[in-house]
Amino acid sequence: MFQRATITLAIYLALCLAPTNAQQVNTHRGFWLSFGAGGGWMGDERSATTYFRMGGTPNEWVHFGGQVLHWWQHEDAEHTSVSAVFSVYPLLGARGGLGLFNEFFLKTGFGISAADCYEHDVSGLGLNFGTGIDLQIGGNFFVTPNIDYLVDFYSQSTYTSLLFSLGLSWH
């Protein structure tokens, strides 16, 4: 008798708590920030990179904000990109059926790009395209792997780079 009541109570709690937990999954609200580090390529040159992003969330599918991406190939060549960022979480509306991919996002942005190469400073327009995924580690904290594709337009040249980074995010 006691066993049967315990099993019935466990099933009841599991059925009642599952919808409650599912409703708490959306942690993308209000202010957010993210920072991280990684590496990448510009042509045949490899580089280390860091980033810092922050902004706001008008709804569960959209983030907006700003970012600073900094990367360097060696002591004589550094690039910095400061841009506005717009991120879309296209799969967020399909919660429940897609598991891990609910937190997948696409992003784009534009802004100012600056390079200090061999003591020659240049600046121009920078475009950023990227993707990533927020992997929840607890509460509103996430580990966020990112891929960024940058196109920097300077007066005499155009550079493209592909960057991979791993960051921590708070929403």
C-alpha atoms as a PDB file:
ATOM      1  CA  MET A   1       0.000   0.000   0.000  1.00  0.00           C
ATOM      2  CA  PHE A   2       2.768   2.465   0.971  1.00  0.00           C
ATOM      3  CA  GLN A   3       4.736   1.616  -2.186  1.00  0.00           C
ATOM      4  CA  ARG A   4       1.727   2.192  -4.397  1.00  0.00           C
ATOM      5  CA  ALA A   5       1.032   5.609  -2.809  1.00  0.00           C
ATOM      6  CA  THR A   6       4.690   6.614  -3.190  1.00  0.00           C
ATOM      7  CA  ILE A   7       4.743   5.646  -6.881  1.00  0.00           C
ATOM      8  CA  THR A   8       1.445   7.473  -7.491  1.00  0.00           C
ATOM      9  CA  LEU A   9       2.777  10.596  -5.731  1.00  0.00           C
ATOM     10  CA  ALA A  10       6.034  10.470  -7.726  1.00  0.00           C
ATOM     11  CA  ILE A  11       4.146  10.209 -11.029  1.00  0.00           C
ATOM     12  CA  TYR A  12       1.821  13.048 -10.012  1.00  0.00           C
ATOM     13  CA  LEU A  13       4.750  15.311  -9.044  1.00  0.00           C
ATOM     14  CA  ALA A  14       6.613  14.489 -12.258  1.00  0.00           C
ATOM     15  CA  LEU A  15       3.569  15.361 -14.368  1.00  0.00           C
ATOM     16  CA  CYS A  16       2.886  18.588 -12.467  1.00  0.00           C
ATOM     17  CA  LEU A  17       6.492  19.817 -12.222  1.00  0.00           C
ATOM     18  CA  ALA A  18       7.418  19.180 -15.880  1.00  0.00           C
ATOM     19  CA  PRO A  19       5.210  22.016 -17.241  1.00  0.00           C
ATOM     20  CA  THR A  20       6.456  24.339 -14.484  1.00  0.00           C
ATOM     21  CA  ASN A  21      10.093  23.676 -15.385  1.00  0.00           C
ATOM     22  CA  ALA A  22       9.348  24.115 -19.080  1.00  0.00           C
ATOM     23  CA  GLN A  23       7.866  27.552 -18.383  1.00  0.00           C
ATOM     24  CA  GLN A  24      11.089  28.653 -16.640  1.00  0.00           C
ATOM     25  CA  VAL A  25      13.329  27.755 -19.594  1.00  0.00           C
ATOM     26  CA  ASN A  26      13.098  31.231 -21.173  1.00  0.00           C
ATOM     27  CA  THR A  27      15.844  33.123 -19.374  1.00  0.00           C
ATOM     28  CA  HIS A  28      16.448  35.633 -22.180  1.00  0.00           C
ATOM     29  CA  ARG A  29      15.053  38.821 -20.637  1.00  0.00           C
ATOM     30  CA  GLY A  30      16.288  42.355 -20.065  1.00  0.00           C
ATOM     31  CA  PHE A  31      19.992  43.175 -19.849  1.00  0.00           C
ATOM     32  CA  TRP A  32      22.592  40.659 -21.093  1.00  0.00           C
ATOM     33  CA  LEU A  33      26.374  40.504 -21.327  1.00  0.00           C
ATOM     34  CA  SER A  34      28.907  38.066 -22.733  1.00  0.00           C
ATOM     35  CA  PHE A  35      32.693  37.843 -22.852  1.00  0.00           C
ATOM     36  CA  GLY A  36      35.139  35.268 -24.118  1.00  0.00           C
ATOM     37  CA  ALA A  37      38.295  34.342 -25.983  1.00  0.00           C
ATOM     38  CA  GLY A  38      39.390  32.139 -28.846  1.00  0.00           C
ATOM     39  CA  GLY A  39      41.294  32.183 -32.109  1.00  0.00           C
ATOM     40  CA  GLY A  40      40.898  32.470 -35.829  1.00  0.00           C
ATOM     41  CA  TRP A  41      42.329  33.222 -39.255  1.00  0.00           C
ATOM     42  CA  MET A  42      42.788  36.195 -41.536  1.00  0.00           C
ATOM     43  CA  GLY A  43      43.973  34.758 -44.812  1.00  0.00           C
ATOM     44  CA  ASP A  44      46.815  32.418 -43.930  1.00  0.00           C
ATOM     45  CA  GLU A  45      47.582  34.217 -40.654  1.00  0.00           C
ATOM     46  CA  ARG A  46      46.365  32.791 -37.347  1.00  0.00           C
ATOM     47  CA  SER A  47      45.303  34.999 -34.457  1.00  0.00           C
ATOM     48  CA  ALA A  48      44.099  35.047 -30.867  1.00  0.00           C
ATOM     49  CA  THR A  49      40.874  36.910 -30.112  1.00  0.00           C
ATOM     50  CA  THR A  50      38.801  38.288 -27.246  1.00  0.00           C
ATOM     51  CA  TYR A  51      35.316  39.770 -27.204  1.00  0.00           C
ATOM     52  CA  PHE A  52      32.936  41.663 -24.963  1.00  0.00           C
ATOM     53  CA  ARG A  53      29.235  42.118 -25.790  1.00  0.00           C
ATOM     54  CA  MET A  54      26.320  43.654 -23.910  1.00  0.00           C
ATOM     55  CA  GLY A  55      22.833  44.905 -24.625  1.00  0.00           C
ATOM     56  CA  GLY A  56      19.121  44.400 -24.130  1.00  0.00           C
ATOM     57  CA  THR A  57      16.424  41.890 -24.994  1.00  0.00           C
ATOM     58  CA  PRO A  58      13.114  43.348 -26.219  1.00  0.00           C
ATOM     59  CA  ASN A  59      11.555  39.861 -26.503  1.00  0.00           C
ATOM     60  CA  GLU A  60      12.598  36.213 -26.234  1.00  0.00           C
ATOM     61  CA  TRP A  61      13.636  35.987 -29.913  1.00  0.00           C
ATOM     62  CA  VAL A  62      15.747  39.143 -30.326  1.00  0.00           C
ATOM     63  CA  HIS A  63      18.853  40.630 -28.693  1.00  0.00           C
ATOM     64  CA  PHE A  64      20.443  43.930 -29.586  1.00  0.00           C
ATOM     65  CA  GLY A  65      23.541  45.612 -28.236  1.00  0.00           C
ATOM     66  CA  GLY A  66      27.160  46.362 -28.931  1.00  0.00           C
ATOM     67  CA  GLN A  67      30.357  44.385 -29.114  1.00  0.00           C
ATOM     68  CA  VAL A  68      34.091  44.886 -29.118  1.00  0.00           C
ATOM     69  CA  LEU A  69      36.119  42.182 -30.884  1.00  0.00           C
ATOM     70  CA  HIS A  70      39.874  42.443 -30.528  1.00  0.00           C
ATOM     71  CA  TRP A  71      42.364  40.159 -32.147  1.00  0.00           C
ATOM     72  CA  TRP A  72      46.037  40.142 -32.925  1.00  0.00           C
ATOM     73  CA  GLN A  73      48.258  38.061 -35.158  1.00  0.00           C
ATOM     74  CA  HIS A  74      51.539  38.918 -33.493  1.00  0.00           C
ATOM     75  CA  GLU A  75      53.075  41.869 -31.684  1.00  0.00           C
ATOM     76  CA  ASP A  76      53.135  44.031 -34.849  1.00  0.00           C
ATOM     77  CA  ALA A  77      49.523  43.534 -36.036  1.00  0.00           C
ATOM     78  CA  GLU A  78      46.317  44.144 -34.088  1.00  0.00           C
ATOM     79  CA  HIS A  79      42.702  44.616 -35.187  1.00  0.00           C
ATOM     80  CA  THR A  80      39.751  45.947 -33.211  1.00  0.00           C
ATOM     81  CA  SER A  81      36.135  45.944 -34.349  1.00  0.00           C
ATOM     82  CA  VAL A  82      33.506  47.927 -32.455  1.00  0.00           C
ATOM     83  CA  SER A  83      29.991  47.342 -33.743  1.00  0.00           C
ATOM     84  CA  ALA A  84      26.292  47.290 -33.075  1.00  0.00           C
ATOM     85  CA  VAL A  85      24.988  43.720 -32.824  1.00  0.00           C
ATOM     86  CA  PHE A  86      21.578  42.249 -33.631  1.00  0.00           C
ATOM     87  CA  SER A  87      20.993  38.613 -32.644  1.00  0.00           C
ATOM     88  CA  VAL A  88      17.972  36.454 -33.468  1.00  0.00           C
ATOM     89  CA  TYR A  89      17.069  33.199 -31.740  1.00  0.00           C
ATOM     90  CA  PRO A  90      15.034  31.703 -34.586  1.00  0.00           C
ATOM     91  CA  LEU A  91      14.175  28.413 -32.865  1.00  0.00           C
ATOM     92  CA  LEU A  92      13.146  29.797 -29.479  1.00  0.00           C
ATOM     93  CA  GLY A  93       9.459  29.735 -30.370  1.00  0.00           C
ATOM     94  CA  ALA A  94       9.618  25.968 -30.877  1.00  0.00           C
ATOM     95  CA  ARG A  95      10.447  25.161 -27.251  1.00  0.00           C
ATOM     96  CA  GLY A  96      10.075  21.610 -26.095  1.00  0.00           C
ATOM     97  CA  GLY A  97      10.682  19.761 -29.334  1.00  0.00           C
ATOM     98  CA  LEU A  98      14.210  20.754 -30.311  1.00  0.00           C
ATOM     99  CA  GLY A  99      16.128  20.382 -27.050  1.00  0.00           C
ATOM    100  CA  LEU A 100      19.624  21.863 -27.233  1.00  0.00           C
ATOM    101  CA  PHE A 101      18.916  23.782 -30.441  1.00  0.00           C
ATOM    102  CA  ASN A 102      16.383  26.060 -28.708  1.00  0.00           C
ATOM    103  CA  GLU A 103      19.289  28.323 -27.744  1.00  0.00           C
ATOM    104  CA  PHE A 104      20.914  28.509 -31.205  1.00  0.00           C
ATOM    105  CA  PHE A 105      21.248  32.083 -32.521  1.00  0.00           C
ATOM    106  CA  LEU A 106      22.231  34.006 -35.644  1.00  0.00           C
ATOM    107  CA  LYS A 107      23.739  37.480 -35.441  1.00  0.00           C
ATOM    108  CA  THR A 108      24.855  40.337 -37.595  1.00  0.00           C
ATOM    109  CA  GLY A 109      26.291  43.755 -36.964  1.00  0.00           C
ATOM    110  CA  PHE A 110      28.181  46.682 -38.389  1.00  0.00           C
ATOM    111  CA  GLY A 111      30.417  49.397 -37.029  1.00  0.00           C
ATOM    112  CA  ILE A 112      33.962  50.709 -36.985  1.00  0.00           C
ATOM    113  CA  SER A 113      37.009  48.586 -37.628  1.00  0.00           C
ATOM    114  CA  ALA A 114      40.540  49.697 -36.828  1.00  0.00           C
ATOM    115  CA  ALA A 115      43.889  48.065 -37.516  1.00  0.00           C
ATOM    116  CA  ASP A 116      47.365  48.791 -36.230  1.00  0.00           C
ATOM    117  CA  CYS A 117      49.628  46.897 -38.624  1.00  0.00           C
ATOM    118  CA  TYR A 118      53.356  47.384 -38.517  1.00  0.00           C
ATOM    119  CA  GLU A 119      52.981  50.881 -37.008  1.00  0.00           C
ATOM    120  CA  HIS A 120      50.470  51.918 -39.671  1.00  0.00           C
ATOM    121  CA  ASP A 121      47.001  52.807 -38.329  1.00  0.00           C
ATOM    122  CA  VAL A 122      43.898  52.494 -40.530  1.00  0.00           C
ATOM    123  CA  SER A 123      40.178  52.587 -39.827  1.00  0.00           C
ATOM    124  CA  GLY A 124      37.075  51.764 -41.810  1.00  0.00           C
ATOM    125  CA  LEU A 125      33.763  49.970 -41.835  1.00  0.00           C
ATOM    126  CA  GLY A 126      33.425  46.540 -40.231  1.00  0.00           C
ATOM    127  CA  LEU A 127      30.689  43.982 -40.874  1.00  0.00           C
ATOM    128  CA  ASN A 128      30.086  40.984 -38.625  1.00  0.00           C
ATOM    129  CA  PHE A 129      28.114  37.813 -39.300  1.00  0.00           C
ATOM    130  CA  GLY A 130      27.992  35.007 -36.796  1.00  0.00           C
ATOM    131  CA  THR A 131      26.288  32.186 -35.029  1.00  0.00           C
ATOM    132  CA  GLY A 132      26.463  30.471 -31.677  1.00  0.00           C
ATOM    133  CA  ILE A 133      24.543  28.603 -29.049  1.00  0.00           C
ATOM    134  CA  ASP A 134      23.791  29.366 -25.390  1.00  0.00           C
ATOM    135  CA  LEU A 135      24.395  26.229 -23.317  1.00  0.00           C
ATOM    136  CA  GLN A 136      22.771  26.806 -19.935  1.00  0.00           C
ATOM    137  CA  ILE A 137      24.970  25.949 -16.953  1.00  0.00           C
ATOM    138  CA  GLY A 138      22.593  27.199 -14.278  1.00  0.00           C
ATOM    139  CA  GLY A 139      20.084  29.966 -13.722  1.00  0.00           C
ATOM    140  CA  ASN A 140      20.749  32.739 -16.211  1.00  0.00           C
ATOM    141  CA  PHE A 141      24.379  31.727 -16.898  1.00  0.00           C
ATOM    142  CA  PHE A 142      25.472  30.139 -20.171  1.00  0.00           C
ATOM    143  CA  VAL A 143      28.594  28.831 -21.882  1.00  0.00           C
ATOM    144  CA  THR A 144      28.473  30.318 -25.385  1.00  0.00           C
ATOM    145  CA  PRO A 145      30.536  28.942 -28.278  1.00  0.00           C
ATOM    146  CA  ASN A 146      30.602  31.470 -31.167  1.00  0.00           C
ATOM    147  CA  ILE A 147      31.710  31.656 -34.783  1.00  0.00           C
ATOM    148  CA  ASP A 148      32.230  35.151 -36.239  1.00  0.00           C
ATOM    149  CA  TYR A 149      32.951  36.099 -39.829  1.00  0.00           C
ATOM    150  CA  LEU A 150      34.291  39.649 -40.120  1.00  0.00           C
ATOM    151  CA  VAL A 151      34.694  41.795 -43.226  1.00  0.00           C
ATOM    152  CA  ASP A 152      36.742  44.959 -42.685  1.00  0.00           C
ATOM    153  CA  PHE A 153      36.703  47.634 -45.394  1.00  0.00           C
ATOM    154  CA  TYR A 154      39.613  50.087 -45.375  1.00  0.00           C
ATOM    155  CA  SER A 155      40.358  52.754 -47.982  1.00  0.00           C
ATOM    156  CA  GLN A 156      42.967  50.669 -49.820  1.00  0.00           C
ATOM    157  CA  SER A 157      42.015  47.113 -48.901  1.00  0.00           C
ATOM    158  CA  THR A 158      39.430  44.656 -47.570  1.00  0.00           C
ATOM    159  CA  TYR A 159      40.181  41.956 -45.002  1.00  0.00           C
ATOM    160  CA  THR A 160      38.095  38.969 -43.987  1.00  0.00           C
ATOM    161  CA  SER A 161      38.578  36.854 -40.902  1.00  0.00           C
ATOM    162  CA  LEU A 162      36.969  33.811 -39.337  1.00  0.00           C
ATOM    163  CA  LEU A 163      37.007  33.668 -35.539  1.00  0.00           C
ATOM    164  CA  PHE A 164      36.041  30.895 -33.117  1.00  0.00           C
ATOM    165  CA  SER A 165      35.514  31.748 -29.448  1.00  0.00           C
ATOM    166  CA  LEU A 166      34.145  30.336 -26.224  1.00  0.00           C
ATOM    167  CA  GLY A 167      32.499  32.703 -23.784  1.00  0.00           C
ATOM    168  CA  LEU A 168      30.381  33.104 -20.704  1.00  0.00           C
ATOM    169  CA  SER A 169      27.024  34.837 -21.005  1.00  0.00           C
ATOM    170  CA  TRP A 170      24.503  36.151 -18.522  1.00  0.00           C
ATOM    171  CA  HIS A 171      20.903  36.948 -19.511  1.00  0.00           C
END
